[in-house]
Structures are given as C-alpha cells and as structure tokens.
C-alpha cells in the first residue's frame, strides 16, 4: 500500500470518528441555535449544524440523482414537503415522550443503499424520501414548541433541504465519469459505517 493510500485511509478514519463522536454527544432533543436573524434563519442554520439531519438528506439526494433525473426531481419535492409535514405534526405533539435516538438508522439505510449501488425503482426512492422527511421533520418540530416562530423555523429547515436536494441531485445526474460515481458509492459506505459506529456508541 502506498503512503498516499495510507494517508487517505487515515484521513477517512479520523473523519468518521469525529463525525460519529459529534453525533453521539449531540442530544436528539437539542433546540435550534439562535442566530439573531429570525426564526427562518435559525431553521437554516439548524440544518448545517445538525449532521444527523444534514448527512442523510444529502446522501438521499445523491441516491435520487443517481437513479435518474425523474427520481431526482421526486426526491427534490417529496423530501422537503414530508419534512415540513412531519415538523408540523411534531409542533402539535411537542412535549410528548422523546423518541429513542435513531439517527444511526437513517445513516445505515440511506448510506447502505448508495454503497450497494442497487437498481431501485423510483417509487421505492420516493417512499424512502417521504419516510425520512416525516421522521426527521417530526424530531425537529417536537423540539420547537407550538408557536409562530416554530413554524417559521420549520419553513427555513424545509427550504434548506429543498436547496440541498436540488444541488446534490443535479450534481450526481451530471456525473459522467465513472470515478465520480464510484466516489458517491464511497460516500455512501462511509455514511453507513458512521451509522454503525453510532449504534455501537449507543450500545456501549
């Protein structure tokens, strides 16, 4: 094995350990970070500061785009709409018993599907986008409390998911080089591995 390969493997291992550690120590019920710019921007910042939401959404967008433009467009619209709907249900149900930390499950399922390079139908990817959006949206909404600010923050979250889905799905649709498509698979395998590390952390 060359020193270049060893160096890249070491960087990948360090990145996985750092991401899993950050997710493991971040409570699922954490509230939005206040940016001072209003609740919509609080929702935008929440996505970028919450890898347990950001990573599955990005990887699912890559999966949708890899399955073709039509599937990518479905993910683009279904994922943020389901996220918003789940968030609205979470707002109403705020204060219910906290759900167990299942962030690892999203990582394993979505990352594993990308890594396996399975030929999934558009209907299956769309259903997965709906389930992922409903689940993560509910977790977001249940921590915000039923208020106008909570609703606006959810709109910020959903809008950010829409933009990210558009960017990453379009990027992978445009990939023509085989090396870039393999890179997407590698990213999926890292995501699934992070989910397994998270599960191990929770069970330790």
N, C-alpha and C. Protein backbone atom coordinates (compact mmCIF):
# COMPACT_ATOMS: atom_id res chain seq x y z
N UNK A 1 0.85 -1.20 0.00
CA UNK A 1 0.00 0.00 0.00
C UNK A 1 0.89 1.24 0.00
N UNK A 2 0.63 2.20 -0.86
CA UNK A 2 1.44 3.41 -0.94
C UNK A 2 1.16 4.32 0.22
N UNK A 3 2.12 5.25 0.46
CA UNK A 3 1.93 6.23 1.55
C UNK A 3 0.74 7.13 1.25
N UNK A 4 0.48 7.39 -0.04
CA UNK A 4 -0.68 8.22 -0.40
C UNK A 4 -1.97 7.54 0.03
N UNK A 5 -2.09 6.22 -0.24
CA UNK A 5 -3.29 5.48 0.14
C UNK A 5 -3.44 5.41 1.65
N UNK A 6 -2.32 5.15 2.34
CA UNK A 6 -2.39 5.09 3.80
C UNK A 6 -2.83 6.42 4.38
N UNK A 7 -2.32 7.50 3.80
CA UNK A 7 -2.68 8.83 4.30
C UNK A 7 -4.16 9.11 4.12
N UNK A 8 -4.71 8.74 2.96
CA UNK A 8 -6.13 8.97 2.72
C UNK A 8 -7.00 8.08 3.59
N UNK A 9 -6.55 6.85 3.84
CA UNK A 9 -7.32 5.99 4.74
C UNK A 9 -7.33 6.56 6.15
N UNK A 10 -6.20 7.10 6.57
CA UNK A 10 -6.12 7.68 7.91
C UNK A 10 -7.03 8.89 8.03
N UNK A 11 -7.05 9.74 6.99
CA UNK A 11 -7.93 10.91 6.99
C UNK A 11 -9.39 10.48 7.05
N UNK A 12 -9.76 9.45 6.26
CA UNK A 12 -11.14 8.97 6.25
C UNK A 12 -11.53 8.42 7.62
N UNK A 13 -10.61 7.66 8.24
CA UNK A 13 -10.91 7.10 9.56
C UNK A 13 -11.09 8.19 10.59
N UNK A 14 -10.22 9.20 10.55
CA UNK A 14 -10.34 10.31 11.50
C UNK A 14 -11.65 11.07 11.31
N UNK A 15 -12.05 11.25 10.05
CA UNK A 15 -13.29 11.97 9.77
C UNK A 15 -14.50 11.20 10.28
N UNK A 16 -14.49 9.88 10.06
CA UNK A 16 -15.59 9.05 10.54
C UNK A 16 -15.68 9.09 12.06
N UNK A 17 -14.53 9.00 12.72
CA UNK A 17 -14.54 9.02 14.18
C UNK A 17 -15.04 10.35 14.71
N UNK A 18 -14.61 11.46 14.06
CA UNK A 18 -15.05 12.77 14.52
C UNK A 18 -16.54 12.96 14.32
N UNK A 19 -17.05 12.53 13.16
CA UNK A 19 -18.48 12.69 12.88
C UNK A 19 -19.32 11.85 13.83
N UNK A 20 -18.92 10.60 14.04
CA UNK A 20 -19.70 9.75 14.95
C UNK A 20 -19.65 10.26 16.36
N UNK A 21 -18.50 10.79 16.77
CA UNK A 21 -18.40 11.34 18.12
C UNK A 21 -19.29 12.56 18.29
N UNK A 22 -19.30 13.42 17.27
CA UNK A 22 -20.14 14.62 17.35
C UNK A 22 -21.61 14.26 17.42
N UNK A 23 -22.01 13.26 16.63
CA UNK A 23 -23.41 12.84 16.64
C UNK A 23 -23.77 12.18 17.96
N UNK A 24 -22.84 11.40 18.49
CA UNK A 24 -23.15 10.65 19.71
C UNK A 24 -23.32 11.56 20.90
N UNK A 25 -22.56 12.65 20.95
CA UNK A 25 -22.65 13.54 22.11
C UNK A 25 -23.71 14.61 21.92
N UNK A 26 -24.32 14.69 20.72
CA UNK A 26 -25.35 15.70 20.48
C UNK A 26 -26.70 15.11 20.81
N UNK A 27 -27.41 15.64 21.82
CA UNK A 27 -28.71 15.08 22.16
C UNK A 27 -29.71 15.31 21.05
N UNK A 28 -30.56 14.32 20.81
CA UNK A 28 -31.54 14.42 19.72
C UNK A 28 -32.55 15.50 19.98
N UNK A 29 -32.75 15.88 21.25
CA UNK A 29 -33.76 16.88 21.57
C UNK A 29 -33.22 18.30 21.61
N UNK A 30 -32.01 18.51 21.10
CA UNK A 30 -31.40 19.84 21.16
C UNK A 30 -32.27 20.85 20.43
N UNK A 31 -32.35 22.06 21.01
CA UNK A 31 -33.16 23.11 20.40
C UNK A 31 -32.37 23.82 19.31
N UNK A 32 -33.09 24.65 18.55
CA UNK A 32 -32.45 25.40 17.49
C UNK A 32 -31.45 26.40 18.05
N UNK A 33 -30.36 26.57 17.31
CA UNK A 33 -29.41 27.61 17.65
C UNK A 33 -29.99 28.95 17.21
N UNK A 34 -29.96 29.94 18.09
CA UNK A 34 -30.49 31.26 17.76
C UNK A 34 -29.43 32.08 17.07
N UNK A 35 -29.71 32.47 15.83
CA UNK A 35 -28.73 33.24 15.06
C UNK A 35 -28.87 34.74 15.27
N UNK A 36 -30.03 35.18 15.77
CA UNK A 36 -30.29 36.61 15.89
C UNK A 36 -30.86 37.21 14.62
N UNK A 37 -31.03 36.39 13.58
CA UNK A 37 -31.55 36.87 12.30
C UNK A 37 -33.01 36.48 12.10
N UNK A 38 -33.62 35.84 13.09
CA UNK A 38 -35.01 35.45 12.97
C UNK A 38 -35.15 33.95 12.88
N UNK A 39 -36.37 33.45 13.11
CA UNK A 39 -36.59 32.00 13.16
C UNK A 39 -36.33 31.27 11.84
N UNK A 40 -36.58 31.92 10.70
CA UNK A 40 -36.32 31.24 9.43
C UNK A 40 -34.84 30.94 9.29
N UNK A 41 -33.99 31.92 9.60
CA UNK A 41 -32.55 31.69 9.52
C UNK A 41 -32.07 30.74 10.61
N UNK A 42 -32.78 30.72 11.75
CA UNK A 42 -32.47 29.71 12.77
C UNK A 42 -32.68 28.31 12.20
N UNK A 43 -33.77 28.14 11.42
CA UNK A 43 -34.02 26.85 10.79
C UNK A 43 -32.96 26.49 9.76
N UNK A 44 -32.53 27.49 9.00
CA UNK A 44 -31.47 27.26 8.01
C UNK A 44 -30.19 26.81 8.70
N UNK A 45 -29.81 27.52 9.76
CA UNK A 45 -28.57 27.18 10.46
C UNK A 45 -28.67 25.82 11.13
N UNK A 46 -29.88 25.46 11.57
CA UNK A 46 -30.06 24.17 12.23
C UNK A 46 -29.62 23.01 11.33
N UNK A 47 -29.97 23.09 10.05
CA UNK A 47 -29.64 22.00 9.12
C UNK A 47 -28.12 21.84 9.03
N UNK A 48 -27.41 22.95 8.90
CA UNK A 48 -25.96 22.88 8.72
C UNK A 48 -25.22 22.53 10.01
N UNK A 49 -25.87 22.75 11.14
CA UNK A 49 -25.24 22.44 12.43
C UNK A 49 -25.70 21.11 13.00
N UNK A 50 -26.52 20.38 12.25
CA UNK A 50 -27.06 19.10 12.73
C UNK A 50 -26.72 18.00 11.72
N UNK A 51 -25.55 17.37 11.86
CA UNK A 51 -25.18 16.33 10.89
C UNK A 51 -26.15 15.17 10.85
N UNK A 52 -26.88 14.93 11.96
CA UNK A 52 -27.85 13.84 11.95
C UNK A 52 -29.01 14.12 11.01
N UNK A 53 -29.23 15.39 10.65
CA UNK A 53 -30.23 15.75 9.63
C UNK A 53 -29.56 15.97 8.27
N UNK A 54 -28.44 16.66 8.28
CA UNK A 54 -27.78 17.06 7.04
C UNK A 54 -27.29 15.87 6.22
N UNK A 55 -26.59 14.95 6.86
CA UNK A 55 -25.95 13.85 6.11
C UNK A 55 -26.97 12.95 5.42
N UNK A 56 -28.01 12.44 6.12
CA UNK A 56 -28.98 11.58 5.41
C UNK A 56 -29.69 12.30 4.27
N UNK A 57 -29.99 13.61 4.46
CA UNK A 57 -30.67 14.35 3.40
C UNK A 57 -29.79 14.46 2.16
N UNK A 58 -28.51 14.77 2.35
CA UNK A 58 -27.59 14.91 1.22
C UNK A 58 -27.39 13.57 0.52
N UNK A 59 -27.18 12.51 1.30
CA UNK A 59 -26.94 11.20 0.69
C UNK A 59 -28.19 10.71 -0.05
N UNK A 60 -29.38 10.99 0.50
CA UNK A 60 -30.60 10.60 -0.20
C UNK A 60 -30.74 11.37 -1.51
N UNK A 61 -30.37 12.63 -1.52
CA UNK A 61 -30.41 13.40 -2.76
C UNK A 61 -29.45 12.82 -3.79
N UNK A 62 -28.28 12.39 -3.34
CA UNK A 62 -27.33 11.73 -4.25
C UNK A 62 -27.90 10.43 -4.79
N UNK A 63 -28.57 9.67 -3.92
CA UNK A 63 -29.18 8.42 -4.36
C UNK A 63 -30.26 8.68 -5.40
N UNK A 64 -31.11 9.68 -5.15
CA UNK A 64 -32.16 10.01 -6.11
C UNK A 64 -31.60 10.46 -7.44
N UNK A 65 -30.57 11.32 -7.39
CA UNK A 65 -29.97 11.79 -8.63
C UNK A 65 -29.29 10.68 -9.40
N UNK A 66 -28.68 9.74 -8.69
CA UNK A 66 -28.01 8.63 -9.36
C UNK A 66 -28.99 7.72 -10.09
N UNK A 67 -30.24 7.70 -9.62
CA UNK A 67 -31.26 6.86 -10.25
C UNK A 67 -31.93 7.55 -11.44
N UNK A 68 -31.48 8.75 -11.76
CA UNK A 68 -32.00 9.43 -12.94
C UNK A 68 -32.69 10.75 -12.62
N UNK A 69 -32.86 11.60 -13.63
CA UNK A 69 -33.46 12.92 -13.42
C UNK A 69 -34.87 12.86 -12.83
N UNK A 70 -35.68 11.93 -13.28
CA UNK A 70 -37.06 11.85 -12.79
C UNK A 70 -37.09 11.53 -11.30
N UNK A 71 -36.29 10.55 -10.87
CA UNK A 71 -36.24 10.20 -9.45
C UNK A 71 -35.65 11.34 -8.64
N UNK A 72 -34.63 11.99 -9.18
CA UNK A 72 -34.04 13.14 -8.50
C UNK A 72 -35.06 14.24 -8.27
N UNK A 73 -35.91 14.49 -9.27
CA UNK A 73 -36.95 15.52 -9.11
C UNK A 73 -37.97 15.11 -8.04
N UNK A 74 -38.29 13.82 -7.97
CA UNK A 74 -39.24 13.37 -6.95
C UNK A 74 -38.68 13.60 -5.55
N UNK A 75 -37.41 13.23 -5.36
CA UNK A 75 -36.77 13.46 -4.07
C UNK A 75 -36.74 14.94 -3.75
N UNK A 76 -36.45 15.75 -4.76
CA UNK A 76 -36.35 17.19 -4.58
C UNK A 76 -37.61 17.77 -3.96
N UNK A 77 -38.78 17.29 -4.38
CA UNK A 77 -40.03 17.84 -3.87
C UNK A 77 -40.59 17.05 -2.68
N UNK A 78 -40.46 15.74 -2.71
CA UNK A 78 -41.07 14.93 -1.66
C UNK A 78 -40.34 15.10 -0.33
N UNK A 79 -39.01 15.10 -0.35
CA UNK A 79 -38.25 15.16 0.90
C UNK A 79 -38.54 16.43 1.71
N UNK A 80 -38.42 17.63 1.15
CA UNK A 80 -38.71 18.82 1.97
C UNK A 80 -40.17 18.94 2.36
N UNK A 81 -41.11 18.51 1.49
CA UNK A 81 -42.53 18.58 1.84
C UNK A 81 -42.85 17.63 2.99
N UNK A 82 -42.30 16.41 2.93
CA UNK A 82 -42.51 15.47 4.02
C UNK A 82 -41.85 15.97 5.30
N UNK A 83 -40.70 16.61 5.17
CA UNK A 83 -40.00 17.17 6.34
C UNK A 83 -40.88 18.23 6.99
N UNK A 84 -41.48 19.09 6.17
CA UNK A 84 -42.34 20.13 6.71
C UNK A 84 -43.58 19.55 7.35
N UNK A 85 -44.19 18.56 6.70
CA UNK A 85 -45.38 17.92 7.26
C UNK A 85 -45.07 17.23 8.59
N UNK A 86 -43.98 16.48 8.61
CA UNK A 86 -43.57 15.83 9.85
C UNK A 86 -43.28 16.84 10.94
N UNK A 87 -42.69 17.97 10.55
CA UNK A 87 -42.41 19.02 11.52
C UNK A 87 -43.67 19.63 12.09
N UNK A 88 -44.69 19.81 11.25
CA UNK A 88 -45.96 20.35 11.73
C UNK A 88 -46.61 19.41 12.74
N UNK A 89 -46.55 18.11 12.45
CA UNK A 89 -47.08 17.13 13.41
C UNK A 89 -46.27 17.19 14.70
N UNK A 90 -44.96 17.34 14.56
CA UNK A 90 -44.11 17.44 15.75
C UNK A 90 -44.41 18.67 16.57
N UNK A 91 -44.72 19.79 15.92
CA UNK A 91 -45.08 21.01 16.65
C UNK A 91 -46.31 20.79 17.51
N UNK A 92 -47.32 20.14 16.91
CA UNK A 92 -48.56 19.88 17.64
C UNK A 92 -48.32 18.90 18.78
N UNK A 93 -47.42 17.94 18.54
CA UNK A 93 -47.17 16.90 19.54
C UNK A 93 -46.01 17.26 20.47
N UNK A 94 -45.58 18.52 20.46
CA UNK A 94 -44.46 18.93 21.31
C UNK A 94 -44.73 18.57 22.76
N UNK A 95 -43.73 18.03 23.41
CA UNK A 95 -43.88 17.66 24.81
C UNK A 95 -44.17 16.19 25.02
N UNK A 96 -44.40 15.44 23.92
CA UNK A 96 -44.62 14.01 24.08
C UNK A 96 -43.31 13.35 24.47
N UNK A 97 -43.39 12.10 24.89
CA UNK A 97 -42.18 11.40 25.30
C UNK A 97 -41.17 11.37 24.15
N UNK A 98 -39.91 11.62 24.48
CA UNK A 98 -38.87 11.68 23.47
C UNK A 98 -38.68 10.32 22.80
N UNK A 99 -38.50 10.35 21.49
CA UNK A 99 -38.23 9.12 20.76
C UNK A 99 -36.79 8.69 21.00
N UNK A 100 -36.51 7.41 20.88
CA UNK A 100 -35.12 6.97 21.02
C UNK A 100 -34.26 7.55 19.90
N UNK A 101 -32.97 7.66 20.16
CA UNK A 101 -32.06 8.22 19.18
C UNK A 101 -31.88 7.24 18.03
N UNK A 102 -32.51 7.53 16.90
CA UNK A 102 -32.47 6.63 15.75
C UNK A 102 -31.72 7.24 14.57
N UNK A 103 -30.88 8.24 14.84
CA UNK A 103 -30.12 8.85 13.75
C UNK A 103 -29.28 7.81 13.02
N UNK A 104 -28.76 6.84 13.76
CA UNK A 104 -27.93 5.81 13.15
C UNK A 104 -28.68 5.03 12.08
N UNK A 105 -30.00 4.85 12.27
CA UNK A 105 -30.78 4.06 11.34
C UNK A 105 -30.85 4.74 9.98
N UNK A 106 -31.05 6.05 9.96
CA UNK A 106 -31.07 6.79 8.69
C UNK A 106 -29.72 6.67 7.98
N UNK A 107 -28.64 6.76 8.75
CA UNK A 107 -27.30 6.65 8.16
C UNK A 107 -27.10 5.28 7.51
N UNK A 108 -27.47 4.24 8.24
CA UNK A 108 -27.23 2.88 7.75
C UNK A 108 -28.08 2.57 6.52
N UNK A 109 -29.37 2.93 6.58
CA UNK A 109 -30.27 2.59 5.46
C UNK A 109 -29.89 3.37 4.20
N UNK A 110 -29.83 4.69 4.32
CA UNK A 110 -29.57 5.51 3.13
C UNK A 110 -28.15 5.29 2.63
N UNK A 111 -27.18 5.31 3.54
CA UNK A 111 -25.80 5.09 3.13
C UNK A 111 -25.59 3.71 2.54
N UNK A 112 -26.23 2.70 3.13
CA UNK A 112 -26.10 1.34 2.62
C UNK A 112 -26.67 1.19 1.22
N UNK A 113 -27.79 1.84 0.95
CA UNK A 113 -28.39 1.75 -0.38
C UNK A 113 -27.49 2.40 -1.44
N UNK A 114 -26.87 3.52 -1.07
CA UNK A 114 -25.95 4.17 -2.01
C UNK A 114 -24.72 3.31 -2.24
N UNK A 115 -24.17 2.77 -1.16
CA UNK A 115 -22.96 1.95 -1.28
C UNK A 115 -23.21 0.68 -2.06
N UNK A 116 -24.40 0.09 -1.90
CA UNK A 116 -24.71 -1.17 -2.58
C UNK A 116 -24.96 -0.99 -4.08
N UNK A 117 -25.21 0.25 -4.49
CA UNK A 117 -25.43 0.54 -5.91
C UNK A 117 -26.58 -0.29 -6.49
N UNK A 118 -27.65 -0.43 -5.69
CA UNK A 118 -28.80 -1.22 -6.11
C UNK A 118 -29.64 -0.45 -7.13
N UNK A 119 -30.26 -1.16 -8.02
CA UNK A 119 -31.14 -0.55 -9.01
C UNK A 119 -32.55 -0.47 -8.42
N UNK A 120 -32.81 0.56 -7.67
CA UNK A 120 -34.10 0.72 -7.00
C UNK A 120 -35.07 1.49 -7.90
N UNK A 121 -36.34 1.16 -7.77
CA UNK A 121 -37.35 1.86 -8.56
C UNK A 121 -37.57 3.26 -8.01
N UNK A 122 -38.12 4.11 -8.87
CA UNK A 122 -38.41 5.48 -8.46
C UNK A 122 -39.40 5.51 -7.31
N UNK A 123 -40.36 4.57 -7.31
CA UNK A 123 -41.36 4.53 -6.24
C UNK A 123 -40.73 4.24 -4.89
N UNK A 124 -39.75 3.34 -4.85
CA UNK A 124 -39.09 3.00 -3.59
C UNK A 124 -38.29 4.19 -3.07
N UNK A 125 -37.56 4.86 -3.95
CA UNK A 125 -36.78 6.03 -3.53
C UNK A 125 -37.71 7.13 -3.04
N UNK A 126 -38.83 7.32 -3.72
CA UNK A 126 -39.79 8.34 -3.30
C UNK A 126 -40.36 8.01 -1.92
N UNK A 127 -40.71 6.74 -1.71
CA UNK A 127 -41.23 6.33 -0.40
C UNK A 127 -40.19 6.54 0.69
N UNK A 128 -38.93 6.23 0.38
CA UNK A 128 -37.86 6.43 1.35
C UNK A 128 -37.70 7.91 1.68
N UNK A 129 -37.81 8.77 0.66
CA UNK A 129 -37.72 10.21 0.89
C UNK A 129 -38.85 10.69 1.80
N UNK A 130 -40.06 10.15 1.58
CA UNK A 130 -41.20 10.55 2.40
C UNK A 130 -41.00 10.11 3.85
N UNK A 131 -40.55 8.88 4.05
CA UNK A 131 -40.36 8.37 5.41
C UNK A 131 -39.25 9.12 6.13
N UNK A 132 -38.15 9.37 5.43
CA UNK A 132 -37.04 10.09 6.04
C UNK A 132 -37.46 11.50 6.42
N UNK A 133 -38.16 12.18 5.50
CA UNK A 133 -38.61 13.54 5.78
C UNK A 133 -39.58 13.61 6.94
N UNK A 134 -40.55 12.69 6.98
CA UNK A 134 -41.52 12.68 8.06
C UNK A 134 -40.85 12.44 9.41
N UNK A 135 -39.92 11.50 9.45
CA UNK A 135 -39.26 11.15 10.71
C UNK A 135 -38.40 12.30 11.23
N UNK A 136 -37.51 12.80 10.37
CA UNK A 136 -36.62 13.87 10.83
C UNK A 136 -37.39 15.17 11.06
N UNK A 137 -38.40 15.42 10.24
CA UNK A 137 -39.21 16.61 10.46
C UNK A 137 -39.93 16.55 11.80
N UNK A 138 -40.47 15.37 12.14
CA UNK A 138 -41.15 15.22 13.43
C UNK A 138 -40.18 15.49 14.58
N UNK A 139 -38.97 14.95 14.48
CA UNK A 139 -37.99 15.19 15.54
C UNK A 139 -37.67 16.68 15.67
N UNK A 140 -37.55 17.37 14.55
CA UNK A 140 -37.29 18.80 14.59
C UNK A 140 -38.44 19.55 15.22
N UNK A 141 -39.67 19.28 14.74
CA UNK A 141 -40.83 20.02 15.21
C UNK A 141 -41.12 19.79 16.67
N UNK A 142 -40.89 18.57 17.16
CA UNK A 142 -41.22 18.25 18.54
C UNK A 142 -40.33 18.97 19.54
N UNK A 143 -39.20 19.51 19.08
CA UNK A 143 -38.31 20.24 19.98
C UNK A 143 -38.55 21.75 19.96
N UNK A 144 -39.37 22.23 19.03
CA UNK A 144 -39.52 23.67 18.85
C UNK A 144 -40.66 24.28 19.66
N UNK A 145 -41.67 23.49 19.97
CA UNK A 145 -42.82 24.07 20.66
C UNK A 145 -43.78 24.69 19.66
N UNK A 146 -45.07 24.61 19.97
CA UNK A 146 -46.10 25.10 19.04
C UNK A 146 -46.16 26.62 19.12
N UNK A 147 -45.64 27.28 18.10
CA UNK A 147 -45.63 28.74 18.06
C UNK A 147 -45.39 29.19 16.63
N UNK A 148 -45.61 30.48 16.39
CA UNK A 148 -45.35 31.03 15.06
C UNK A 148 -43.87 30.95 14.72
N UNK A 149 -43.01 31.17 15.72
CA UNK A 149 -41.58 31.08 15.48
C UNK A 149 -41.18 29.66 15.11
N UNK A 150 -41.79 28.68 15.77
CA UNK A 150 -41.50 27.30 15.43
C UNK A 150 -41.89 26.96 14.01
N UNK A 151 -43.04 27.47 13.57
CA UNK A 151 -43.48 27.23 12.19
C UNK A 151 -42.53 27.88 11.20
N UNK A 152 -42.11 29.09 11.47
CA UNK A 152 -41.18 29.77 10.55
C UNK A 152 -39.82 29.05 10.52
N UNK A 153 -39.39 28.56 11.67
CA UNK A 153 -38.13 27.81 11.69
C UNK A 153 -38.24 26.55 10.85
N UNK A 154 -39.39 25.89 10.92
CA UNK A 154 -39.60 24.70 10.09
C UNK A 154 -39.56 25.04 8.61
N UNK A 155 -40.11 26.18 8.24
CA UNK A 155 -40.07 26.61 6.85
C UNK A 155 -38.62 26.80 6.41
N UNK A 156 -37.80 27.39 7.30
CA UNK A 156 -36.38 27.55 7.00
C UNK A 156 -35.68 26.22 6.81
N UNK A 157 -36.01 25.24 7.67
CA UNK A 157 -35.42 23.91 7.55
C UNK A 157 -35.81 23.28 6.22
N UNK A 158 -37.12 23.29 5.90
CA UNK A 158 -37.60 22.67 4.67
C UNK A 158 -37.01 23.33 3.43
N UNK A 159 -36.91 24.67 3.45
CA UNK A 159 -36.33 25.37 2.31
C UNK A 159 -34.87 24.99 2.11
N UNK A 160 -34.14 24.84 3.19
CA UNK A 160 -32.74 24.45 3.10
C UNK A 160 -32.61 23.04 2.55
N UNK A 161 -33.47 22.12 3.01
CA UNK A 161 -33.45 20.75 2.50
C UNK A 161 -33.75 20.75 1.00
N UNK A 162 -34.68 21.60 0.57
CA UNK A 162 -35.01 21.70 -0.86
C UNK A 162 -33.79 22.13 -1.67
N UNK A 163 -33.11 23.18 -1.21
CA UNK A 163 -31.95 23.69 -1.95
C UNK A 163 -30.84 22.65 -1.99
N UNK A 164 -30.56 22.02 -0.86
CA UNK A 164 -29.51 20.99 -0.83
C UNK A 164 -29.86 19.82 -1.74
N UNK A 165 -31.13 19.40 -1.72
CA UNK A 165 -31.56 18.30 -2.57
C UNK A 165 -31.37 18.65 -4.04
N UNK A 166 -31.73 19.88 -4.40
CA UNK A 166 -31.58 20.31 -5.79
C UNK A 166 -30.11 20.31 -6.21
N UNK A 167 -29.24 20.82 -5.36
CA UNK A 167 -27.82 20.92 -5.71
C UNK A 167 -27.17 19.55 -5.85
N UNK A 168 -27.39 18.68 -4.88
CA UNK A 168 -26.69 17.39 -4.89
C UNK A 168 -27.30 16.41 -5.89
N UNK A 169 -28.63 16.42 -6.04
CA UNK A 169 -29.24 15.55 -7.04
C UNK A 169 -28.82 15.96 -8.44
N UNK A 170 -28.81 17.27 -8.70
CA UNK A 170 -28.39 17.74 -10.03
C UNK A 170 -26.92 17.43 -10.29
N UNK A 171 -26.10 17.54 -9.25
CA UNK A 171 -24.67 17.27 -9.42
C UNK A 171 -24.42 15.82 -9.81
N UNK A 172 -25.10 14.89 -9.15
CA UNK A 172 -24.84 13.48 -9.45
C UNK A 172 -25.47 13.07 -10.78
N UNK A 173 -26.56 13.72 -11.18
CA UNK A 173 -27.14 13.45 -12.50
C UNK A 173 -26.15 13.84 -13.60
N UNK A 174 -25.42 14.92 -13.34
CA UNK A 174 -24.47 15.42 -14.34
C UNK A 174 -23.17 14.64 -14.37
N UNK A 175 -22.94 13.75 -13.39
CA UNK A 175 -21.70 12.99 -13.36
C UNK A 175 -21.64 12.05 -14.56
N UNK A 176 -20.60 12.19 -15.35
CA UNK A 176 -20.41 11.29 -16.49
C UNK A 176 -19.24 10.35 -16.26
N UNK A 177 -18.24 10.80 -15.48
CA UNK A 177 -17.07 9.97 -15.24
C UNK A 177 -17.42 8.88 -14.23
N UNK A 178 -16.95 7.68 -14.53
CA UNK A 178 -17.21 6.55 -13.64
C UNK A 178 -16.56 6.76 -12.28
N UNK A 179 -15.41 7.44 -12.27
CA UNK A 179 -14.72 7.67 -11.00
C UNK A 179 -15.57 8.50 -10.05
N UNK A 180 -16.32 9.46 -10.58
CA UNK A 180 -17.16 10.29 -9.73
C UNK A 180 -18.33 9.49 -9.17
N UNK A 181 -18.88 8.61 -9.97
CA UNK A 181 -19.98 7.76 -9.48
C UNK A 181 -19.47 6.80 -8.41
N UNK A 182 -18.27 6.31 -8.59
CA UNK A 182 -17.67 5.46 -7.55
C UNK A 182 -17.48 6.27 -6.27
N UNK A 183 -17.11 7.54 -6.44
CA UNK A 183 -16.96 8.40 -5.28
C UNK A 183 -18.25 8.54 -4.48
N UNK A 184 -19.37 8.59 -5.18
CA UNK A 184 -20.67 8.65 -4.50
C UNK A 184 -20.91 7.37 -3.70
N UNK A 185 -20.52 6.23 -4.28
CA UNK A 185 -20.66 4.96 -3.56
C UNK A 185 -19.79 4.94 -2.31
N UNK A 186 -18.58 5.46 -2.43
CA UNK A 186 -17.68 5.51 -1.27
C UNK A 186 -18.29 6.38 -0.18
N UNK A 187 -18.87 7.51 -0.57
CA UNK A 187 -19.53 8.37 0.41
C UNK A 187 -20.66 7.63 1.10
N UNK A 188 -21.42 6.84 0.33
CA UNK A 188 -22.49 6.05 0.94
C UNK A 188 -21.95 5.04 1.93
N UNK A 189 -20.84 4.41 1.60
CA UNK A 189 -20.27 3.41 2.52
C UNK A 189 -19.77 4.09 3.79
N UNK A 190 -19.19 5.27 3.68
CA UNK A 190 -18.75 6.00 4.88
C UNK A 190 -19.95 6.37 5.75
N UNK A 191 -21.04 6.77 5.09
CA UNK A 191 -22.24 7.13 5.84
C UNK A 191 -22.80 5.93 6.60
N UNK A 192 -22.87 4.80 5.92
CA UNK A 192 -23.35 3.58 6.59
C UNK A 192 -22.42 3.19 7.73
N UNK A 193 -21.12 3.31 7.51
CA UNK A 193 -20.17 2.98 8.56
C UNK A 193 -20.32 3.90 9.76
N UNK A 194 -20.59 5.17 9.50
CA UNK A 194 -20.82 6.11 10.60
C UNK A 194 -22.06 5.71 11.39
N UNK A 195 -23.11 5.27 10.67
CA UNK A 195 -24.31 4.82 11.37
C UNK A 195 -24.03 3.63 12.27
N UNK A 196 -23.20 2.70 11.80
CA UNK A 196 -22.85 1.54 12.62
C UNK A 196 -22.03 1.97 13.84
N UNK A 197 -21.12 2.93 13.63
CA UNK A 197 -20.35 3.45 14.76
C UNK A 197 -21.27 4.12 15.79
N UNK A 198 -22.27 4.85 15.29
CA UNK A 198 -23.23 5.49 16.19
C UNK A 198 -23.99 4.46 17.00
N UNK A 199 -24.43 3.39 16.33
CA UNK A 199 -25.14 2.34 17.05
C UNK A 199 -24.27 1.72 18.13
N UNK A 200 -23.01 1.46 17.76
CA UNK A 200 -22.08 0.91 18.75
C UNK A 200 -21.89 1.84 19.92
N UNK A 201 -21.82 3.15 19.63
CA UNK A 201 -21.66 4.13 20.71
C UNK A 201 -22.85 4.11 21.65
N UNK A 202 -24.06 4.01 21.06
CA UNK A 202 -25.26 4.00 21.89
C UNK A 202 -25.37 2.74 22.74
N UNK A 203 -24.85 1.63 22.22
CA UNK A 203 -24.98 0.36 22.93
C UNK A 203 -23.83 0.10 23.89
N UNK A 204 -22.84 0.95 23.89
CA UNK A 204 -21.66 0.67 24.71
C UNK A 204 -22.00 0.77 26.21
